[in-house]
Amino acid sequence: MKIRGERECKECGTRWSYYETGSIGCPACGSIRSVGIDERTEHTDLQVAFDLTAVRSDIDDVPTDDLAERAQERCRDYVRRRGFVNAGQLRDLDDTYLAATELLHVADIVAREIQLDDREELYFLSLLRDADDGERPPVEEVPTTLRTARGLAYANAVREYRRDVRTWIDERDRALTTSERTALETLGEHVKRIRMLDGDVEPRTAEQLIDATRDLANGLRGDELAFSRAQDRLEGLEFTAVE
């Protein structure tokens, strides 16, 4: 959506940036009567905190499935409100968003599973411990039974990111080159393929999808070397996404 990010309070005259506070309420007097004083700019990234401390504090007191349901709720709210265009600038596909998305999918499995094995429970607790710091377990630690959660989470994250990349490009009224358009289309095809497989791909393949997406974003922002890497990664995924 397009908004006027620079605000001025009608009551006290204070000026502030909506991009920083995420609120139309005046930080000085609290009044919600304000006006925008700049041009409308594309902005999809709402201000939202991601803090799992309250969930973690009950690890010793509540069953794992209850923890998973609470973690789901926190992650869902965070992911739903996040975006990747901030004041007209394209943000990175960051690790905190990826960790929150993966925890959302892992927690869904954990909440429904009648009996978890030790490795599955430890993996869930590892995500719960570190996701709000943007930490994700390495690919070698993903249990086979939870690899669909990582695959589907990352495919969904790339789908949302790709959508905002399109928004960012349209806002800049920039014509894509044939190579750029092809790369974006190929990325979308990989996302569809992984989603059709319900995320059942090797964790390393899911990670390669993220690497390709990040390189492509940097390439669209002018880094020619990154764009070349993105093309190579996307071509490689033609063979690994269906294994």
Protein backbone atom coordinates (compact mmCIF):
# COMPACT_ATOMS: atom_id res chain seq x y z
CA MET A 1 0.00 0.00 0.00
CA LYS A 2 1.07 3.59 -0.55
CA ILE A 3 1.23 5.83 2.48
CA ARG A 4 2.55 9.22 3.53
CA GLY A 5 5.21 8.20 6.00
CA GLU A 6 6.20 11.58 7.35
CA ARG A 7 3.47 12.71 9.76
CA GLU A 8 2.67 15.97 11.56
CA CYS A 9 0.43 16.12 14.62
CA LYS A 10 -2.49 18.55 14.29
CA GLU A 11 -2.58 19.05 18.05
CA CYS A 12 1.03 19.81 18.98
CA GLY A 13 2.88 20.05 15.68
CA THR A 14 5.29 17.17 16.39
CA ARG A 15 6.68 15.49 13.31
CA TRP A 16 7.67 11.81 13.16
CA SER A 17 8.10 8.94 10.73
CA TYR A 18 5.39 6.31 10.46
CA TYR A 19 8.03 4.04 8.91
CA GLU A 20 9.84 4.00 12.26
CA THR A 21 6.90 3.85 14.67
CA GLY A 22 4.25 2.06 12.63
CA SER A 23 1.61 4.29 14.21
CA ILE A 24 -0.37 7.38 13.21
CA GLY A 25 -0.55 8.31 16.90
CA CYS A 26 1.64 11.24 17.90
CA PRO A 27 4.63 10.03 19.97
CA ALA A 28 4.60 13.31 21.92
CA CYS A 29 0.96 13.84 22.92
CA GLY A 30 -0.77 10.64 21.78
CA SER A 31 -3.25 12.36 19.46
CA ILE A 32 -4.33 10.35 16.41
CA ARG A 33 -5.12 13.53 14.48
CA SER A 34 -2.20 13.82 12.10
CA VAL A 35 -1.52 14.55 8.45
CA GLY A 36 1.01 13.24 5.98
CA ILE A 37 3.47 15.84 4.76
CA ASP A 38 5.32 13.90 2.08
CA GLU A 39 4.47 12.01 -1.11
CA ARG A 40 2.78 8.62 -0.89
CA THR A 41 5.33 5.81 -0.94
CA GLU A 42 4.92 2.03 -1.25
CA HIS A 43 5.18 0.43 2.17
CA THR A 44 4.27 -3.19 2.94
CA ASP A 45 6.44 -3.78 6.00
CA LEU A 46 4.42 -3.07 9.12
CA GLN A 47 6.16 -2.55 12.45
CA VAL A 48 5.74 -5.71 14.53
CA ALA A 49 7.77 -7.20 17.36
CA PHE A 50 8.70 -10.87 17.35
CA ASP A 51 9.41 -12.07 20.85
CA LEU A 52 9.03 -15.68 22.00
CA THR A 53 10.21 -15.06 25.56
CA ALA A 54 6.77 -15.61 27.10
CA VAL A 55 6.41 -18.95 25.32
CA ARG A 56 9.91 -20.11 26.26
CA SER A 57 9.37 -19.23 29.91
CA ASP A 58 6.77 -22.00 30.20
CA ILE A 59 8.85 -24.79 28.70
CA ASP A 60 9.09 -26.63 32.02
CA ASP A 61 5.45 -26.12 32.96
CA VAL A 62 3.27 -26.95 29.95
CA PRO A 63 3.10 -29.83 27.47
CA THR A 64 5.05 -29.52 24.23
CA ASP A 65 1.89 -29.44 22.10
CA ASP A 66 0.62 -26.44 24.09
CA LEU A 67 3.94 -24.68 23.59
CA ALA A 68 3.65 -25.39 19.88
CA GLU A 69 0.18 -23.89 19.65
CA ARG A 70 1.33 -20.73 21.43
CA ALA A 71 4.40 -20.47 19.22
CA GLN A 72 2.18 -20.87 16.18
CA GLU A 73 0.04 -17.95 17.24
CA ARG A 74 3.06 -15.67 17.75
CA CYS A 75 4.66 -16.66 14.46
CA ARG A 76 1.44 -16.34 12.49
CA ASP A 77 0.87 -12.79 13.73
CA TYR A 78 4.44 -11.79 12.95
CA VAL A 79 4.53 -13.32 9.46
CA ARG A 80 1.10 -11.94 8.56
CA ARG A 81 2.14 -8.36 9.28
CA ARG A 82 5.62 -8.47 7.80
CA GLY A 83 6.48 -7.20 4.33
CA PHE A 84 9.60 -6.38 2.38
CA VAL A 85 9.10 -2.91 0.93
CA ASN A 86 9.94 -0.26 3.48
CA ALA A 87 9.45 3.39 2.52
CA GLY A 88 9.84 2.43 -1.12
CA GLN A 89 13.03 0.42 -0.54
CA LEU A 90 13.29 -3.34 -1.05
CA ARG A 91 14.35 -5.11 2.12
CA ASP A 92 16.26 -8.38 2.30
CA LEU A 93 14.59 -11.74 2.85
CA ASP A 94 15.89 -11.88 6.41
CA ASP A 95 16.68 -14.78 8.71
CA THR A 96 14.17 -13.73 11.37
CA TYR A 97 11.31 -13.97 8.89
CA LEU A 98 12.57 -17.36 7.66
CA ALA A 99 12.95 -18.69 11.20
CA ALA A 100 9.48 -17.49 12.16
CA THR A 101 7.99 -19.08 9.05
CA GLU A 102 9.74 -22.38 9.69
CA LEU A 103 8.73 -22.41 13.36
CA LEU A 104 5.14 -21.77 12.28
CA HIS A 105 5.16 -24.92 10.14
CA VAL A 106 7.17 -27.07 12.56
CA ALA A 107 4.90 -26.05 15.45
CA ASP A 108 1.87 -27.08 13.40
CA ILE A 109 3.28 -30.60 13.06
CA VAL A 110 4.35 -30.75 16.71
CA ALA A 111 0.92 -29.60 17.93
CA ARG A 112 -0.79 -32.39 15.98
CA GLU A 113 1.72 -35.19 16.60
CA ILE A 114 0.60 -37.72 19.19
CA GLN A 115 4.13 -38.73 20.15
CA LEU A 116 7.34 -36.97 19.16
CA ASP A 117 10.72 -38.65 19.10
CA ASP A 118 13.61 -36.95 20.87
CA ARG A 119 15.13 -35.49 17.71
CA GLU A 120 11.85 -33.89 16.61
CA GLU A 121 11.24 -32.35 20.02
CA LEU A 122 14.81 -31.04 20.28
CA TYR A 123 14.54 -29.48 16.84
CA PHE A 124 11.31 -27.72 17.75
CA LEU A 125 12.82 -26.46 21.03
CA SER A 126 15.91 -25.27 19.17
CA LEU A 127 13.76 -23.16 16.84
CA LEU A 128 11.71 -21.88 19.76
CA ARG A 129 14.91 -20.86 21.55
CA ASP A 130 16.49 -18.91 18.71
CA ALA A 131 13.91 -17.97 16.05
CA ASP A 132 13.28 -14.45 17.35
CA ASP A 133 17.03 -13.83 17.14
CA GLY A 134 17.00 -14.89 13.50
CA GLU A 135 18.83 -18.17 14.16
CA ARG A 136 17.92 -21.29 12.20
CA PRO A 137 19.30 -24.82 12.72
CA PRO A 138 21.70 -25.94 9.98
CA VAL A 139 20.44 -28.26 7.26
CA GLU A 140 22.23 -31.26 8.77
CA GLU A 141 20.07 -31.05 11.89
CA VAL A 142 16.67 -31.12 10.15
CA PRO A 143 14.91 -34.40 11.02
CA THR A 144 13.60 -36.29 8.00
CA THR A 145 10.10 -36.10 9.45
CA LEU A 146 10.28 -32.29 9.61
CA ARG A 147 11.93 -31.52 6.31
CA THR A 148 8.54 -30.86 4.71
CA ALA A 149 8.03 -28.07 7.24
CA ARG A 150 11.27 -26.36 6.23
CA GLY A 151 10.66 -26.87 2.51
CA LEU A 152 7.12 -25.51 2.60
CA ALA A 153 8.06 -22.65 4.93
CA TYR A 154 10.82 -21.45 2.67
CA ALA A 155 8.73 -21.83 -0.48
CA ASN A 156 5.98 -19.74 1.12
CA ALA A 157 8.50 -17.14 2.30
CA VAL A 158 9.94 -16.81 -1.21
CA ARG A 159 6.43 -16.57 -2.67
CA GLU A 160 5.64 -13.61 -0.40
CA TYR A 161 9.01 -12.00 -1.03
CA ARG A 162 8.69 -12.39 -4.79
CA ARG A 163 5.28 -10.70 -4.61
CA ASP A 164 6.82 -7.68 -2.87
CA VAL A 165 9.69 -7.62 -5.36
CA ARG A 166 7.06 -7.25 -8.09
CA THR A 167 5.40 -4.45 -6.14
CA TRP A 168 8.74 -2.70 -5.70
CA ILE A 169 9.53 -2.98 -9.41
CA ASP A 170 6.10 -1.67 -10.42
CA GLU A 171 6.43 1.27 -8.03
CA ARG A 172 9.72 2.27 -9.61
CA ASP A 173 8.14 2.09 -13.06
CA ARG A 174 11.15 0.10 -14.19
CA ALA A 175 11.14 -2.16 -17.23
CA LEU A 176 12.70 -5.56 -16.56
CA THR A 177 15.23 -6.96 -18.97
CA THR A 178 14.44 -10.30 -20.59
CA SER A 179 16.97 -12.03 -18.30
CA GLU A 180 15.48 -10.44 -15.18
CA ARG A 181 11.94 -11.38 -16.18
CA THR A 182 13.01 -14.94 -16.92
CA ALA A 183 14.78 -15.25 -13.57
CA LEU A 184 11.71 -14.03 -11.66
CA GLU A 185 9.48 -16.42 -13.58
CA THR A 186 11.85 -19.32 -12.94
CA LEU A 187 11.90 -18.49 -9.23
CA GLY A 188 8.10 -18.58 -9.22
CA GLU A 189 8.10 -21.97 -10.95
CA HIS A 190 10.44 -23.42 -8.33
CA VAL A 191 8.16 -22.15 -5.58
CA LYS A 192 5.14 -23.77 -7.23
CA ARG A 193 7.01 -27.05 -7.64
CA ILE A 194 8.06 -27.23 -3.99
CA ARG A 195 4.57 -26.32 -2.83
CA MET A 196 3.10 -29.05 -5.06
CA LEU A 197 5.46 -31.47 -3.31
CA ASP A 198 4.17 -30.17 0.06
CA GLY A 199 7.71 -29.06 0.84
CA ASP A 200 9.13 -32.58 0.58
CA VAL A 201 12.56 -31.62 -0.74
CA GLU A 202 16.03 -31.93 0.71
CA PRO A 203 16.73 -29.17 3.26
CA ARG A 204 19.80 -28.19 1.24
CA THR A 205 17.57 -27.61 -1.79
CA ALA A 206 15.30 -25.35 0.26
CA GLU A 207 18.36 -23.41 1.42
CA GLN A 208 19.53 -23.06 -2.18
CA LEU A 209 16.16 -21.54 -3.03
CA ILE A 210 16.78 -18.87 -0.38
CA ASP A 211 20.30 -18.20 -1.66
CA ALA A 212 18.99 -17.81 -5.21
CA THR A 213 16.26 -15.43 -4.04
CA ARG A 214 18.69 -13.23 -2.14
CA ASP A 215 21.11 -13.11 -5.06
CA LEU A 216 18.28 -12.25 -7.42
CA ALA A 217 17.12 -9.39 -5.20
CA ASN A 218 20.65 -8.01 -5.05
CA GLY A 219 20.90 -8.40 -8.81
CA LEU A 220 17.71 -6.43 -9.35
CA ARG A 221 19.21 -3.72 -7.15
CA GLY A 222 22.18 -3.46 -9.50
CA ASP A 223 24.70 -6.12 -8.43
CA GLU A 224 25.56 -7.84 -11.70
CA LEU A 225 27.69 -10.54 -10.07
CA ALA A 226 24.86 -11.45 -7.70
CA PHE A 227 22.44 -11.64 -10.63
CA SER A 228 24.77 -14.03 -12.44
CA ARG A 229 24.96 -16.20 -9.30
CA ALA A 230 21.17 -16.16 -9.06
CA GLN A 231 20.85 -17.42 -12.63
CA ASP A 232 23.28 -20.26 -11.92
CA ARG A 233 21.50 -21.21 -8.70
CA LEU A 234 18.09 -21.17 -10.37
CA GLU A 235 19.38 -23.34 -13.20
CA GLY A 236 20.79 -25.81 -10.69
CA LEU A 237 17.48 -26.01 -8.89
CA GLU A 238 15.88 -27.34 -12.08
CA PHE A 239 17.50 -30.65 -11.17
CA THR A 240 17.45 -30.66 -7.36
CA ALA A 241 13.96 -29.41 -6.53
CA VAL A 242 12.29 -32.70 -7.47
CA GLU A 243 14.72 -35.12 -5.78
